[in-house]
C-alpha atoms as a PDB file:
ATOM      1  CA  MET A   1    -185.604  90.379 -34.289  1.00  0.00           C
ATOM      2  CA  TYR A   2    -184.589  93.023 -36.929  1.00  0.00           C
ATOM      3  CA  TRP A   3    -187.903  94.933 -36.885  1.00  0.00           C
ATOM      4  CA  ARG A   4    -187.683  95.524 -33.244  1.00  0.00           C
ATOM      5  CA  ASN A   5    -185.431  98.540 -33.901  1.00  0.00           C
ATOM      6  CA  GLU A   6    -187.853 100.194 -36.357  1.00  0.00           C
ATOM      7  CA  ILE A   7    -190.746 100.273 -33.699  1.00  0.00           C
ATOM      8  CA  SER A   8    -190.194 103.424 -31.939  1.00  0.00           C
ATOM      9  CA  ALA A   9    -189.783 105.588 -35.013  1.00  0.00           C
ATOM     10  CA  LYS A  10    -193.268 104.378 -36.370  1.00  0.00           C
ATOM     11  CA  PHE A  11    -195.437 104.296 -33.381  1.00  0.00           C
ATOM     12  CA  GLY A  12    -196.606 106.421 -30.208  1.00  0.00           C
ATOM     13  CA  ASP A  13    -195.385 105.427 -26.757  1.00  0.00           C
ATOM     14  CA  ASP A  14    -197.899 102.979 -25.609  1.00  0.00           C
ATOM     15  CA  LYS A  15    -198.301 101.252 -29.036  1.00  0.00           C
ATOM     16  CA  SER A  16    -194.520 101.174 -29.454  1.00  0.00           C
ATOM     17  CA  LYS A  17    -194.045  99.568 -26.012  1.00  0.00           C
ATOM     18  CA  THR A  18    -196.704  96.895 -26.711  1.00  0.00           C
ATOM     19  CA  ILE A  19    -195.190  95.973 -30.158  1.00  0.00           C
ATOM     20  CA  LYS A  20    -191.800  95.943 -28.850  1.00  0.00           C
ATOM     21  CA  LEU A  21    -192.846  93.547 -26.055  1.00  0.00           C
ATOM     22  CA  PHE A  22    -194.607  91.443 -28.547  1.00  0.00           C
ATOM     23  CA  SER A  23    -191.409  91.259 -30.560  1.00  0.00           C
ATOM     24  CA  TYR A  24    -189.793  89.458 -27.565  1.00  0.00           C
ATOM     25  CA  ILE A  25    -192.674  87.174 -27.231  1.00  0.00           C
ATOM     26  CA  PHE A  26    -192.499  86.373 -31.000  1.00  0.00           C
ATOM     27  CA  THR A  27    -188.776  85.569 -30.609  1.00  0.00           C
ATOM     28  CA  LEU A  28    -189.795  83.048 -27.771  1.00  0.00           C
ATOM     29  CA  LYS A  29    -192.297  81.361 -30.056  1.00  0.00           C
ATOM     30  CA  ASN A  30    -189.652  80.723 -32.613  1.00  0.00           C
ATOM     31  CA  LEU A  31    -186.696  79.966 -30.288  1.00  0.00           C
ATOM     32  CA  LEU A  32    -186.227  76.221 -29.907  1.00  0.00           C
ATOM     33  CA  ARG A  33    -185.327  74.693 -26.457  1.00  0.00           C
ATOM     34  CA  THR A  34    -182.030  73.448 -27.862  1.00  0.00           C
ATOM     35  CA  GLY A  35    -181.143  70.940 -25.129  1.00  0.00           C
ATOM     36  CA  TRP A  36    -183.676  68.564 -26.590  1.00  0.00           C
ATOM     37  CA  VAL A  37    -181.856  68.701 -29.880  1.00  0.00           C
ATOM     38  CA  LYS A  38    -178.267  68.795 -28.478  1.00  0.00           C
ATOM     39  CA  TYR A  39    -178.574  66.149 -25.759  1.00  0.00           C
ATOM     40  CA  TRP A  40    -181.734  64.052 -26.138  1.00  0.00           C
ATOM     41  CA  GLY A  41    -181.846  63.252 -29.899  1.00  0.00           C
ATOM     42  CA  VAL A  42    -185.012  65.340 -30.788  1.00  0.00           C
ATOM     43  CA  ARG A  43    -185.099  66.570 -34.269  1.00  0.00           C
ATOM     44  CA  GLU A  44    -185.357  70.360 -34.739  1.00  0.00           C
ATOM     45  CA  GLU A  45    -188.910  70.136 -36.229  1.00  0.00           C
ATOM     46  CA  GLN A  46    -190.182  68.194 -33.200  1.00  0.00           C
ATOM     47  CA  ALA A  47    -188.478  70.354 -30.514  1.00  0.00           C
ATOM     48  CA  GLU A  48    -190.654  72.537 -28.308  1.00  0.00           C
ATOM     49  CA  SER A  49    -190.096  76.353 -28.267  1.00  0.00           C
ATOM     50  CA  VAL A  50    -189.387  78.317 -25.263  1.00  0.00           C
ATOM     51  CA  ALA A  51    -192.753  79.751 -25.403  1.00  0.00           C
ATOM     52  CA  ASP A  52    -194.313  76.156 -25.550  1.00  0.00           C
ATOM     53  CA  HIS A  53    -192.317  75.456 -22.454  1.00  0.00           C
ATOM     54  CA  SER A  54    -193.283  78.739 -20.649  1.00  0.00           C
ATOM     55  CA  PHE A  55    -196.962  78.214 -21.380  1.00  0.00           C
ATOM     56  CA  SER A  56    -196.785  74.586 -19.996  1.00  0.00           C
ATOM     57  CA  VAL A  57    -195.222  75.890 -16.836  1.00  0.00           C
ATOM     58  CA  VAL A  58    -197.732  78.659 -16.312  1.00  0.00           C
ATOM     59  CA  VAL A  59    -200.711  76.240 -16.695  1.00  0.00           C
ATOM     60  CA  LEU A  60    -199.016  73.562 -14.448  1.00  0.00           C
ATOM     61  CA  ALA A  61    -198.301  76.344 -11.800  1.00  0.00           C
ATOM     62  CA  LEU A  62    -201.992  77.662 -12.077  1.00  0.00           C
ATOM     63  CA  PHE A  63    -203.403  74.108 -11.362  1.00  0.00           C
ATOM     64  CA  LEU A  64    -200.867  72.620  -9.112  1.00  0.00           C
ATOM     65  CA  GLN A  65    -200.566  75.639  -6.780  1.00  0.00           C
ATOM     66  CA  LYS A  66    -204.244  75.387  -6.195  1.00  0.00           C
ATOM     67  CA  GLN A  67    -203.974  71.628  -5.747  1.00  0.00           C
ATOM     68  CA  LEU A  68    -200.757  71.145  -3.885  1.00  0.00           C
ATOM     69  CA  ALA A  69    -199.825  74.475  -2.296  1.00  0.00           C
ATOM     70  CA  PRO A  70    -202.766  76.624  -1.701  1.00  0.00           C
ATOM     71  CA  GLU A  71    -201.046  78.546   1.056  1.00  0.00           C
ATOM     72  CA  LEU A  72    -198.750  80.142  -1.564  1.00  0.00           C
ATOM     73  CA  ASP A  73    -199.262  83.570  -3.061  1.00  0.00           C
ATOM     74  CA  GLN A  74    -200.821  82.667  -6.321  1.00  0.00           C
ATOM     75  CA  ASN A  75    -200.274  85.998  -7.953  1.00  0.00           C
ATOM     76  CA  LYS A  76    -196.612  85.866  -7.254  1.00  0.00           C
ATOM     77  CA  VAL A  77    -196.523  82.185  -8.374  1.00  0.00           C
ATOM     78  CA  LEU A  78    -198.021  83.039 -11.742  1.00  0.00           C
ATOM     79  CA  LYS A  79    -195.895  86.259 -12.292  1.00  0.00           C
ATOM     80  CA  MET A  80    -192.685  84.146 -11.715  1.00  0.00           C
ATOM     81  CA  ALA A  81    -193.971  81.159 -14.102  1.00  0.00           C
ATOM     82  CA  ILE A  82    -194.742  83.963 -16.731  1.00  0.00           C
ATOM     83  CA  LEU A  83    -191.562  85.799 -16.453  1.00  0.00           C
ATOM     84  CA  HIS A  84    -189.011  83.000 -15.735  1.00  0.00           C
ATOM     85  CA  GLU A  85    -187.643  82.628 -19.489  1.00  0.00           C
ATOM     86  CA  LEU A  86    -188.462  86.141 -20.788  1.00  0.00           C
ATOM     87  CA  GLY A  87    -184.751  87.071 -21.172  1.00  0.00           C
ATOM     88  CA  GLU A  88    -184.105  84.313 -23.379  1.00  0.00           C
ATOM     89  CA  ALA A  89    -185.675  86.428 -26.010  1.00  0.00           C
ATOM     90  CA  ILE A  90    -182.412  88.266 -26.016  1.00  0.00           C
ATOM     91  CA  ILE A  91    -179.781  85.792 -24.838  1.00  0.00           C
ATOM     92  CA  GLY A  92    -181.111  82.765 -26.482  1.00  0.00           C
ATOM     93  CA  ASP A  93    -181.706  79.221 -25.014  1.00  0.00           C
ATOM     94  CA  MET A  94    -178.864  78.210 -22.769  1.00  0.00           C
ATOM     95  CA  PRO A  95    -179.459  74.353 -21.581  1.00  0.00           C
ATOM     96  CA  VAL A  96    -178.310  73.644 -17.996  1.00  0.00           C
ATOM     97  CA  ARG A  97    -175.818  71.141 -19.538  1.00  0.00           C
ATOM     98  CA  ASP A  98    -174.049  74.013 -21.462  1.00  0.00           C
ATOM     99  CA  ASN A  99    -172.807  75.247 -18.101  1.00  0.00           C
ATOM    100  CA  VAL A 100    -172.587  78.811 -19.346  1.00  0.00           C
ATOM    101  CA  GLU A 101    -170.852  80.660 -16.432  1.00  0.00           C
ATOM    102  CA  ASP A 102    -172.211  84.107 -16.888  1.00  0.00           C
ATOM    103  CA  LYS A 103    -175.858  82.934 -17.784  1.00  0.00           C
ATOM    104  CA  HIS A 104    -177.543  84.636 -14.647  1.00  0.00           C
ATOM    105  CA  GLU A 105    -175.806  87.884 -15.366  1.00  0.00           C
ATOM    106  CA  ARG A 106    -176.491  87.854 -19.149  1.00  0.00           C
ATOM    107  CA  GLU A 107    -180.186  86.889 -18.342  1.00  0.00           C
ATOM    108  CA  LYS A 108    -180.492  89.629 -15.872  1.00  0.00           C
ATOM    109  CA  GLN A 109    -179.288  92.433 -18.187  1.00  0.00           C
ATOM    110  CA  ALA A 110    -181.628  90.967 -20.804  1.00  0.00           C
ATOM    111  CA  MET A 111    -184.566  91.255 -18.306  1.00  0.00           C
ATOM    112  CA  GLU A 112    -183.552  94.749 -17.484  1.00  0.00           C
ATOM    113  CA  GLU A 113    -183.519  95.745 -21.154  1.00  0.00           C
ATOM    114  CA  ILE A 114    -186.921  93.984 -21.853  1.00  0.00           C
ATOM    115  CA  LEU A 115    -188.506  95.710 -18.829  1.00  0.00           C
ATOM    116  CA  SER A 116    -186.741  99.109 -19.210  1.00  0.00           C
ATOM    117  CA  SER A 117    -189.726 101.019 -20.569  1.00  0.00           C
ATOM    118  CA  PHE A 118    -192.258  99.944 -18.070  1.00  0.00           C
ATOM    119  CA  ASP A 119    -192.854 101.616 -14.624  1.00  0.00           C
ATOM    120  CA  PHE A 120    -193.389  98.467 -12.980  1.00  0.00           C
ATOM    121  CA  ALA A 121    -190.016  96.977 -14.129  1.00  0.00           C
ATOM    122  CA  PRO A 122    -188.684  97.034 -10.525  1.00  0.00           C
ATOM    123  CA  GLU A 123    -191.367  94.774  -9.278  1.00  0.00           C
ATOM    124  CA  PHE A 124    -191.035  92.090 -12.095  1.00  0.00           C
ATOM    125  CA  LEU A 125    -187.185  92.219 -12.012  1.00  0.00           C
ATOM    126  CA  SER A 126    -187.448  91.482  -8.104  1.00  0.00           C
ATOM    127  CA  LEU A 127    -189.686  88.670  -8.858  1.00  0.00           C
ATOM    128  CA  TRP A 128    -187.402  87.143 -11.595  1.00  0.00           C
ATOM    129  CA  GLU A 129    -184.436  87.557  -9.141  1.00  0.00           C
ATOM    130  CA  GLU A 130    -186.528  85.828  -6.308  1.00  0.00           C
ATOM    131  CA  PHE A 131    -187.352  82.955  -8.720  1.00  0.00           C
ATOM    132  CA  GLU A 132    -183.600  82.661  -9.694  1.00  0.00           C
ATOM    133  CA  LYS A 133    -182.431  82.563  -6.131  1.00  0.00           C
ATOM    134  CA  GLU A 134    -184.953  79.807  -5.162  1.00  0.00           C
ATOM    135  CA  GLU A 135    -185.056  80.789  -1.567  1.00  0.00           C
ATOM    136  CA  THR A 136    -188.860  81.564  -0.973  1.00  0.00           C
ATOM    137  CA  PRO A 137    -191.597  78.959  -0.931  1.00  0.00           C
ATOM    138  CA  GLU A 138    -193.078  80.579  -4.137  1.00  0.00           C
ATOM    139  CA  ALA A 139    -189.514  80.476  -5.962  1.00  0.00           C
ATOM    140  CA  LYS A 140    -189.029  76.838  -4.898  1.00  0.00           C
ATOM    141  CA  PHE A 141    -192.443  75.973  -6.115  1.00  0.00           C
ATOM    142  CA  VAL A 142    -192.126  77.572  -9.505  1.00  0.00           C
ATOM    143  CA  LYS A 143    -188.655  76.206  -9.875  1.00  0.00           C
ATOM    144  CA  SER A 144    -189.838  72.689  -9.099  1.00  0.00           C
ATOM    145  CA  ILE A 145    -192.730  73.199 -11.671  1.00  0.00           C
ATOM    146  CA  ASP A 146    -190.174  74.171 -14.136  1.00  0.00           C
ATOM    147  CA  ARG A 147    -188.302  71.114 -13.623  1.00  0.00           C
ATOM    148  CA  LEU A 148    -191.522  68.883 -13.435  1.00  0.00           C
ATOM    149  CA  GLU A 149    -192.314  70.340 -16.977  1.00  0.00           C
ATOM    150  CA  PHE A 150    -189.019  69.159 -18.273  1.00  0.00           C
ATOM    151  CA  VAL A 151    -189.799  65.711 -16.900  1.00  0.00           C
ATOM    152  CA  LEU A 152    -193.355  65.672 -18.388  1.00  0.00           C
ATOM    153  CA  GLN A 153    -191.957  66.845 -21.909  1.00  0.00           C
ATOM    154  CA  ARG A 154    -189.363  64.052 -21.676  1.00  0.00           C
ATOM    155  CA  TYR A 155    -192.243  61.611 -20.863  1.00  0.00           C
ATOM    156  CA  GLY A 156    -194.418  63.060 -23.834  1.00  0.00           C
ATOM    157  CA  TYR A 157    -191.317  62.687 -26.242  1.00  0.00           C
ATOM    158  CA  PHE A 158    -190.703  59.136 -25.034  1.00  0.00           C
ATOM    159  CA  LYS A 159    -194.481  57.965 -25.275  1.00  0.00           C
ATOM    160  CA  ASN A 160    -194.482  59.346 -28.855  1.00  0.00           C
ATOM    161  CA  GLY A 161    -191.183  57.732 -29.974  1.00  0.00           C
ATOM    162  CA  ILE A 162    -189.301  61.118 -30.219  1.00  0.00           C
ATOM    163  CA  GLY A 163    -185.752  61.390 -29.353  1.00  0.00           C
ATOM    164  CA  ASP A 164    -183.032  58.963 -27.763  1.00  0.00           C
ATOM    165  CA  MET A 165    -184.936  56.585 -25.610  1.00  0.00           C
ATOM    166  CA  LEU A 166    -181.820  55.590 -23.725  1.00  0.00           C
ATOM    167  CA  ALA A 167    -180.889  59.137 -22.902  1.00  0.00           C
ATOM    168  CA  PHE A 168    -184.423  59.787 -21.595  1.00  0.00           C
ATOM    169  CA  LYS A 169    -183.966  56.973 -19.004  1.00  0.00           C
ATOM    170  CA  ASP A 170    -180.713  58.448 -17.695  1.00  0.00           C
ATOM    171  CA  GLY A 171    -180.180  60.977 -15.031  1.00  0.00           C
ATOM    172  CA  LYS A 172    -183.204  60.358 -12.638  1.00  0.00           C
ATOM    173  CA  GLU A 173    -181.611  61.100  -9.561  1.00  0.00           C
ATOM    174  CA  ARG A 174    -179.863  64.296 -10.809  1.00  0.00           C
ATOM    175  CA  VAL A 175    -183.354  65.708 -11.827  1.00  0.00           C
ATOM    176  CA  LEU A 176    -184.998  64.705  -8.624  1.00  0.00           C
ATOM    177  CA  GLU A 177    -182.409  66.271  -6.241  1.00  0.00           C
ATOM    178  CA  LYS A 178    -182.963  69.691  -7.992  1.00  0.00           C
ATOM    179  CA  ILE A 179    -186.874  69.637  -7.380  1.00  0.00           C
ATOM    180  CA  LYS A 180    -187.128  71.364  -3.972  1.00  0.00           C
ATOM    181  CA  ASN A 181    -191.034  71.225  -3.570  1.00  0.00           C
ATOM    182  CA  GLU A 182    -191.682  67.665  -2.096  1.00  0.00           C
ATOM    183  CA  LYS A 183    -195.193  67.310  -3.490  1.00  0.00           C
ATOM    184  CA  VAL A 184    -193.857  68.190  -6.960  1.00  0.00           C
ATOM    185  CA  LYS A 185    -190.997  65.816  -6.556  1.00  0.00           C
ATOM    186  CA  GLU A 186    -193.371  63.116  -5.798  1.00  0.00           C
ATOM    187  CA  ILE A 187    -195.200  63.610  -9.137  1.00  0.00           C
ATOM    188  CA  ALA A 188    -191.998  63.934 -11.144  1.00  0.00           C
ATOM    189  CA  LYS A 189    -190.477  60.538  -9.437  1.00  0.00           C
ATOM    190  CA  GLU A 190    -193.768  58.825 -10.399  1.00  0.00           C
ATOM    191  CA  VAL A 191    -193.346  59.941 -14.029  1.00  0.00           C
ATOM    192  CA  LEU A 192    -189.509  59.179 -14.086  1.00  0.00           C
ATOM    193  CA  ASP A 193    -190.360  55.698 -12.666  1.00  0.00           C
ATOM    194  CA  GLU A 194    -192.700  55.009 -15.369  1.00  0.00           C
ATOM    195  CA  ILE A 195    -190.245  56.096 -18.167  1.00  0.00           C
ATOM    196  CA  GLU A 196    -188.021  53.313 -16.533  1.00  0.00           C
ATOM    197  CA  THR A 197    -190.405  50.695 -17.171  1.00  0.00           C
ATOM    198  CA  LEU A 198    -191.323  51.562 -20.866  1.00  0.00           C
END
């Protein structure tokens, strides 16, 4: 946002950091998840924002970690869920179907820029990298929740007559094979099965 560049000249250090951080949050509130519009027939005025999606992932992670995976480090799970789309405040939303080759590198650079003024930047960047690699149980869980949220959003649109109904019924196996946590996959499968019956 254009006003982000004016912040440091007007405010002291802590206030400047806070307002600059909020400028990224503000961007996410107004950044559409464009895949719904490009590929699923959802009108722009009905499409969720990246912030909508991120909030949903955080709430799902909070509840489902307690319910399905209490052995995981909840602190790490929640931090990953909160951070996972933050870089899109700079690079914009890039749907998986767009197959952007350098997406990870661009998002990493964006995360480094957003975190650069905070002393704890290495911890948060490391957690984001862990999420992206999807190798640890916590990362697999949060990635699975991220994909489950997509399934649930799809279901919500379908139930409310929003978007292309035929497109919503497509690609079930492709979605499920990407969900690495088996308990989360079971929920996603049940939801996708119901979509097929509607």
